[in-house]
Amino acid sequence: MDNQLKSHTPDENQIKKVLLDFYDAYYMADRIKMFSYLNQSFQDSISLNCFLIHSDFDIDVGILIEIRRIHVERQKKFALAECLVDFERGKKETVIAFKLEDEMWKIDGRSVYKRKL
């Protein structure tokens, strides 16, 4: 993953780091850390306890193979990361949304845990 995206802006670098850290937490089964990378709106809707015990949130988020592109709309406090992820059923292109909160990029939990809210 190290050489797959040459970011040029601080926002892109921060988004890349958040995404890589989220997946590292997933690989280590550290769901508390995973939860910490999700946006506040998601955390307000789903308690940490629910996130930890409910099977809807214990899902396969795949293996991150490549971050292909990051598109940032800073004024809208929104960004998208186009990624290639390897799931049990094969590789799939997916888009993960981010929200800017207090100058920190957070993963929009709804973009990872679709239809779970």
C-alpha atoms as a PDB file:
ATOM      1  CA  MET A   1       0.000   0.000   0.000  1.00  0.00           C
ATOM      2  CA  ASP A   2       2.899   2.402   0.573  1.00  0.00           C
ATOM      3  CA  ASN A   3       3.531   3.399  -3.039  1.00  0.00           C
ATOM      4  CA  GLN A   4       0.037   3.128  -4.413  1.00  0.00           C
ATOM      5  CA  LEU A   5      -1.107   6.718  -3.954  1.00  0.00           C
ATOM      6  CA  LYS A   6       1.154   9.713  -4.203  1.00  0.00           C
ATOM      7  CA  SER A   7      -0.832  12.351  -2.383  1.00  0.00           C
ATOM      8  CA  HIS A   8      -0.048  15.970  -2.887  1.00  0.00           C
ATOM      9  CA  THR A   9      -2.298  17.717  -0.401  1.00  0.00           C
ATOM     10  CA  PRO A  10      -2.473  17.520   3.383  1.00  0.00           C
ATOM     11  CA  ASP A  11      -6.142  16.483   3.098  1.00  0.00           C
ATOM     12  CA  GLU A  12      -5.307  13.569   0.806  1.00  0.00           C
ATOM     13  CA  ASN A  13      -2.481  12.490   3.080  1.00  0.00           C
ATOM     14  CA  GLN A  14      -4.719  12.597   6.146  1.00  0.00           C
ATOM     15  CA  ILE A  15      -7.508  10.677   4.380  1.00  0.00           C
ATOM     16  CA  LYS A  16      -5.048   8.038   3.227  1.00  0.00           C
ATOM     17  CA  LYS A  17      -3.683   7.674   6.770  1.00  0.00           C
ATOM     18  CA  VAL A  18      -7.169   7.371   8.287  1.00  0.00           C
ATOM     19  CA  LEU A  19      -8.144   4.727   5.741  1.00  0.00           C
ATOM     20  CA  LEU A  20      -4.940   2.723   6.233  1.00  0.00           C
ATOM     21  CA  ASP A  21      -5.258   2.969  10.025  1.00  0.00           C
ATOM     22  CA  PHE A  22      -8.919   1.874   9.865  1.00  0.00           C
ATOM     23  CA  TYR A  23      -7.971  -1.195   7.842  1.00  0.00           C
ATOM     24  CA  ASP A  24      -4.999  -1.935  10.126  1.00  0.00           C
ATOM     25  CA  ALA A  25      -7.413  -1.891  13.082  1.00  0.00           C
ATOM     26  CA  TYR A  26      -9.718  -4.231  11.138  1.00  0.00           C
ATOM     27  CA  TYR A  27      -6.863  -6.654  10.423  1.00  0.00           C
ATOM     28  CA  MET A  28      -5.988  -6.637  14.143  1.00  0.00           C
ATOM     29  CA  ALA A  29      -9.681  -7.102  15.114  1.00  0.00           C
ATOM     30  CA  ASP A  30      -9.500  -3.857  17.115  1.00  0.00           C
ATOM     31  CA  ARG A  31     -13.108  -2.799  16.718  1.00  0.00           C
ATOM     32  CA  ILE A  32     -12.835  -0.033  19.316  1.00  0.00           C
ATOM     33  CA  LYS A  33     -10.131   1.606  17.217  1.00  0.00           C
ATOM     34  CA  MET A  34     -12.195   1.053  14.044  1.00  0.00           C
ATOM     35  CA  PHE A  35     -15.115   2.850  15.705  1.00  0.00           C
ATOM     36  CA  SER A  36     -12.866   5.815  16.535  1.00  0.00           C
ATOM     37  CA  TYR A  37     -12.266   6.468  12.818  1.00  0.00           C
ATOM     38  CA  LEU A  38     -15.999   6.763  12.070  1.00  0.00           C
ATOM     39  CA  ASN A  39     -17.765  10.119  11.885  1.00  0.00           C
ATOM     40  CA  GLN A  40     -19.587  11.650  14.847  1.00  0.00           C
ATOM     41  CA  SER A  41     -23.043  11.346  13.280  1.00  0.00           C
ATOM     42  CA  PHE A  42     -22.551   7.586  12.943  1.00  0.00           C
ATOM     43  CA  GLN A  43     -21.218   7.353  16.500  1.00  0.00           C
ATOM     44  CA  ASP A  44     -24.223   9.315  17.776  1.00  0.00           C
ATOM     45  CA  SER A  45     -26.582   6.884  16.006  1.00  0.00           C
ATOM     46  CA  ILE A  46     -24.784   3.690  17.016  1.00  0.00           C
ATOM     47  CA  SER A  47     -23.274   3.362  20.478  1.00  0.00           C
ATOM     48  CA  LEU A  48     -19.859   1.781  20.884  1.00  0.00           C
ATOM     49  CA  ASN A  49     -21.464  -1.072  22.820  1.00  0.00           C
ATOM     50  CA  CYS A  50     -23.901  -1.761  19.972  1.00  0.00           C
ATOM     51  CA  PHE A  51     -21.073  -1.552  17.436  1.00  0.00           C
ATOM     52  CA  LEU A  52     -19.061  -4.104  19.403  1.00  0.00           C
ATOM     53  CA  ILE A  53     -21.796  -6.682  20.016  1.00  0.00           C
ATOM     54  CA  HIS A  54     -24.214  -6.406  17.085  1.00  0.00           C
ATOM     55  CA  SER A  55     -23.504  -8.714  14.148  1.00  0.00           C
ATOM     56  CA  ASP A  56     -24.540  -6.014  11.647  1.00  0.00           C
ATOM     57  CA  PHE A  57     -21.264  -4.252  12.427  1.00  0.00           C
ATOM     58  CA  ASP A  58     -19.053  -7.340  12.567  1.00  0.00           C
ATOM     59  CA  ILE A  59     -18.801  -7.576   8.803  1.00  0.00           C
ATOM     60  CA  ASP A  60     -16.121  -8.326   6.238  1.00  0.00           C
ATOM     61  CA  VAL A  61     -14.760  -4.963   5.091  1.00  0.00           C
ATOM     62  CA  GLY A  62     -12.232  -6.787   2.935  1.00  0.00           C
ATOM     63  CA  ILE A  63      -8.534  -6.337   2.392  1.00  0.00           C
ATOM     64  CA  LEU A  64      -7.562  -2.923   1.086  1.00  0.00           C
ATOM     65  CA  ILE A  65      -5.485  -3.527  -2.029  1.00  0.00           C
ATOM     66  CA  GLU A  66      -5.213  -0.053  -3.488  1.00  0.00           C
ATOM     67  CA  ILE A  67      -6.372   3.511  -2.954  1.00  0.00           C
ATOM     68  CA  ARG A  68      -6.915   4.590  -6.534  1.00  0.00           C
ATOM     69  CA  ARG A  69      -8.088   8.164  -6.166  1.00  0.00           C
ATOM     70  CA  ILE A  70      -9.091  10.650  -3.495  1.00  0.00           C
ATOM     71  CA  HIS A  71     -11.453  13.495  -4.341  1.00  0.00           C
ATOM     72  CA  VAL A  72     -11.743  16.268  -1.747  1.00  0.00           C
ATOM     73  CA  GLU A  73     -14.458  18.936  -1.510  1.00  0.00           C
ATOM     74  CA  ARG A  74     -13.019  20.830   1.445  1.00  0.00           C
ATOM     75  CA  GLN A  75     -15.602  23.623   1.406  1.00  0.00           C
ATOM     76  CA  LYS A  76     -18.334  20.989   1.622  1.00  0.00           C
ATOM     77  CA  LYS A  77     -16.314  19.085   4.253  1.00  0.00           C
ATOM     78  CA  PHE A  78     -16.643  15.941   2.162  1.00  0.00           C
ATOM     79  CA  ALA A  79     -14.285  13.566   0.383  1.00  0.00           C
ATOM     80  CA  LEU A  80     -14.399  10.259  -1.484  1.00  0.00           C
ATOM     81  CA  ALA A  81     -11.737   7.576  -1.696  1.00  0.00           C
ATOM     82  CA  GLU A  82     -11.990   5.193  -4.633  1.00  0.00           C
ATOM     83  CA  CYS A  83     -10.451   1.888  -3.576  1.00  0.00           C
ATOM     84  CA  LEU A  84      -9.880  -1.644  -4.739  1.00  0.00           C
ATOM     85  CA  VAL A  85     -10.825  -4.068  -1.968  1.00  0.00           C
ATOM     86  CA  ASP A  86     -10.508  -7.851  -1.900  1.00  0.00           C
ATOM     87  CA  PHE A  87     -13.584  -9.487  -0.372  1.00  0.00           C
ATOM     88  CA  GLU A  88     -14.228 -13.208   0.100  1.00  0.00           C
ATOM     89  CA  ARG A  89     -16.110 -13.212  -3.215  1.00  0.00           C
ATOM     90  CA  GLY A  90     -13.347 -11.417  -5.083  1.00  0.00           C
ATOM     91  CA  LYS A  91     -11.949  -7.976  -5.762  1.00  0.00           C
ATOM     92  CA  LYS A  92     -14.340  -5.056  -5.991  1.00  0.00           C
ATOM     93  CA  GLU A  93     -14.017  -1.344  -6.611  1.00  0.00           C
ATOM     94  CA  THR A  94     -15.625   0.551  -3.778  1.00  0.00           C
ATOM     95  CA  VAL A  95     -16.011   4.154  -2.675  1.00  0.00           C
ATOM     96  CA  ILE A  96     -15.598   5.231   0.931  1.00  0.00           C
ATOM     97  CA  ALA A  97     -16.921   8.628   1.966  1.00  0.00           C
ATOM     98  CA  PHE A  98     -15.251  10.927   4.479  1.00  0.00           C
ATOM     99  CA  LYS A  99     -16.465  13.916   6.473  1.00  0.00           C
ATOM    100  CA  LEU A 100     -14.316  16.725   7.845  1.00  0.00           C
ATOM    101  CA  GLU A 101     -14.980  17.214  11.563  1.00  0.00           C
ATOM    102  CA  ASP A 102     -12.938  19.675  13.628  1.00  0.00           C
ATOM    103  CA  GLU A 103     -10.219  19.692  10.953  1.00  0.00           C
ATOM    104  CA  MET A 104      -9.925  15.888  11.088  1.00  0.00           C
ATOM    105  CA  TRP A 105     -11.154  13.572   8.347  1.00  0.00           C
ATOM    106  CA  LYS A 106     -13.429  10.763   9.561  1.00  0.00           C
ATOM    107  CA  ILE A 107     -14.894   7.845   7.633  1.00  0.00           C
ATOM    108  CA  ASP A 108     -18.616   8.231   7.009  1.00  0.00           C
ATOM    109  CA  GLY A 109     -19.807   5.092   8.778  1.00  0.00           C
ATOM    110  CA  ARG A 110     -22.769   4.760   6.423  1.00  0.00           C
ATOM    111  CA  SER A 111     -20.423   4.282   3.474  1.00  0.00           C
ATOM    112  CA  VAL A 112     -18.877   1.221   5.150  1.00  0.00           C
ATOM    113  CA  TYR A 113     -21.870  -0.154   7.054  1.00  0.00           C
ATOM    114  CA  LYS A 114     -24.526   0.311   4.381  1.00  0.00           C
ATOM    115  CA  ARG A 115     -28.147  -0.258   5.410  1.00  0.00           C
ATOM    116  CA  LYS A 116     -27.194  -0.829   9.033  1.00  0.00           C
ATOM    117  CA  LEU A 117     -28.645   2.375  10.488  1.00  0.00           C
END
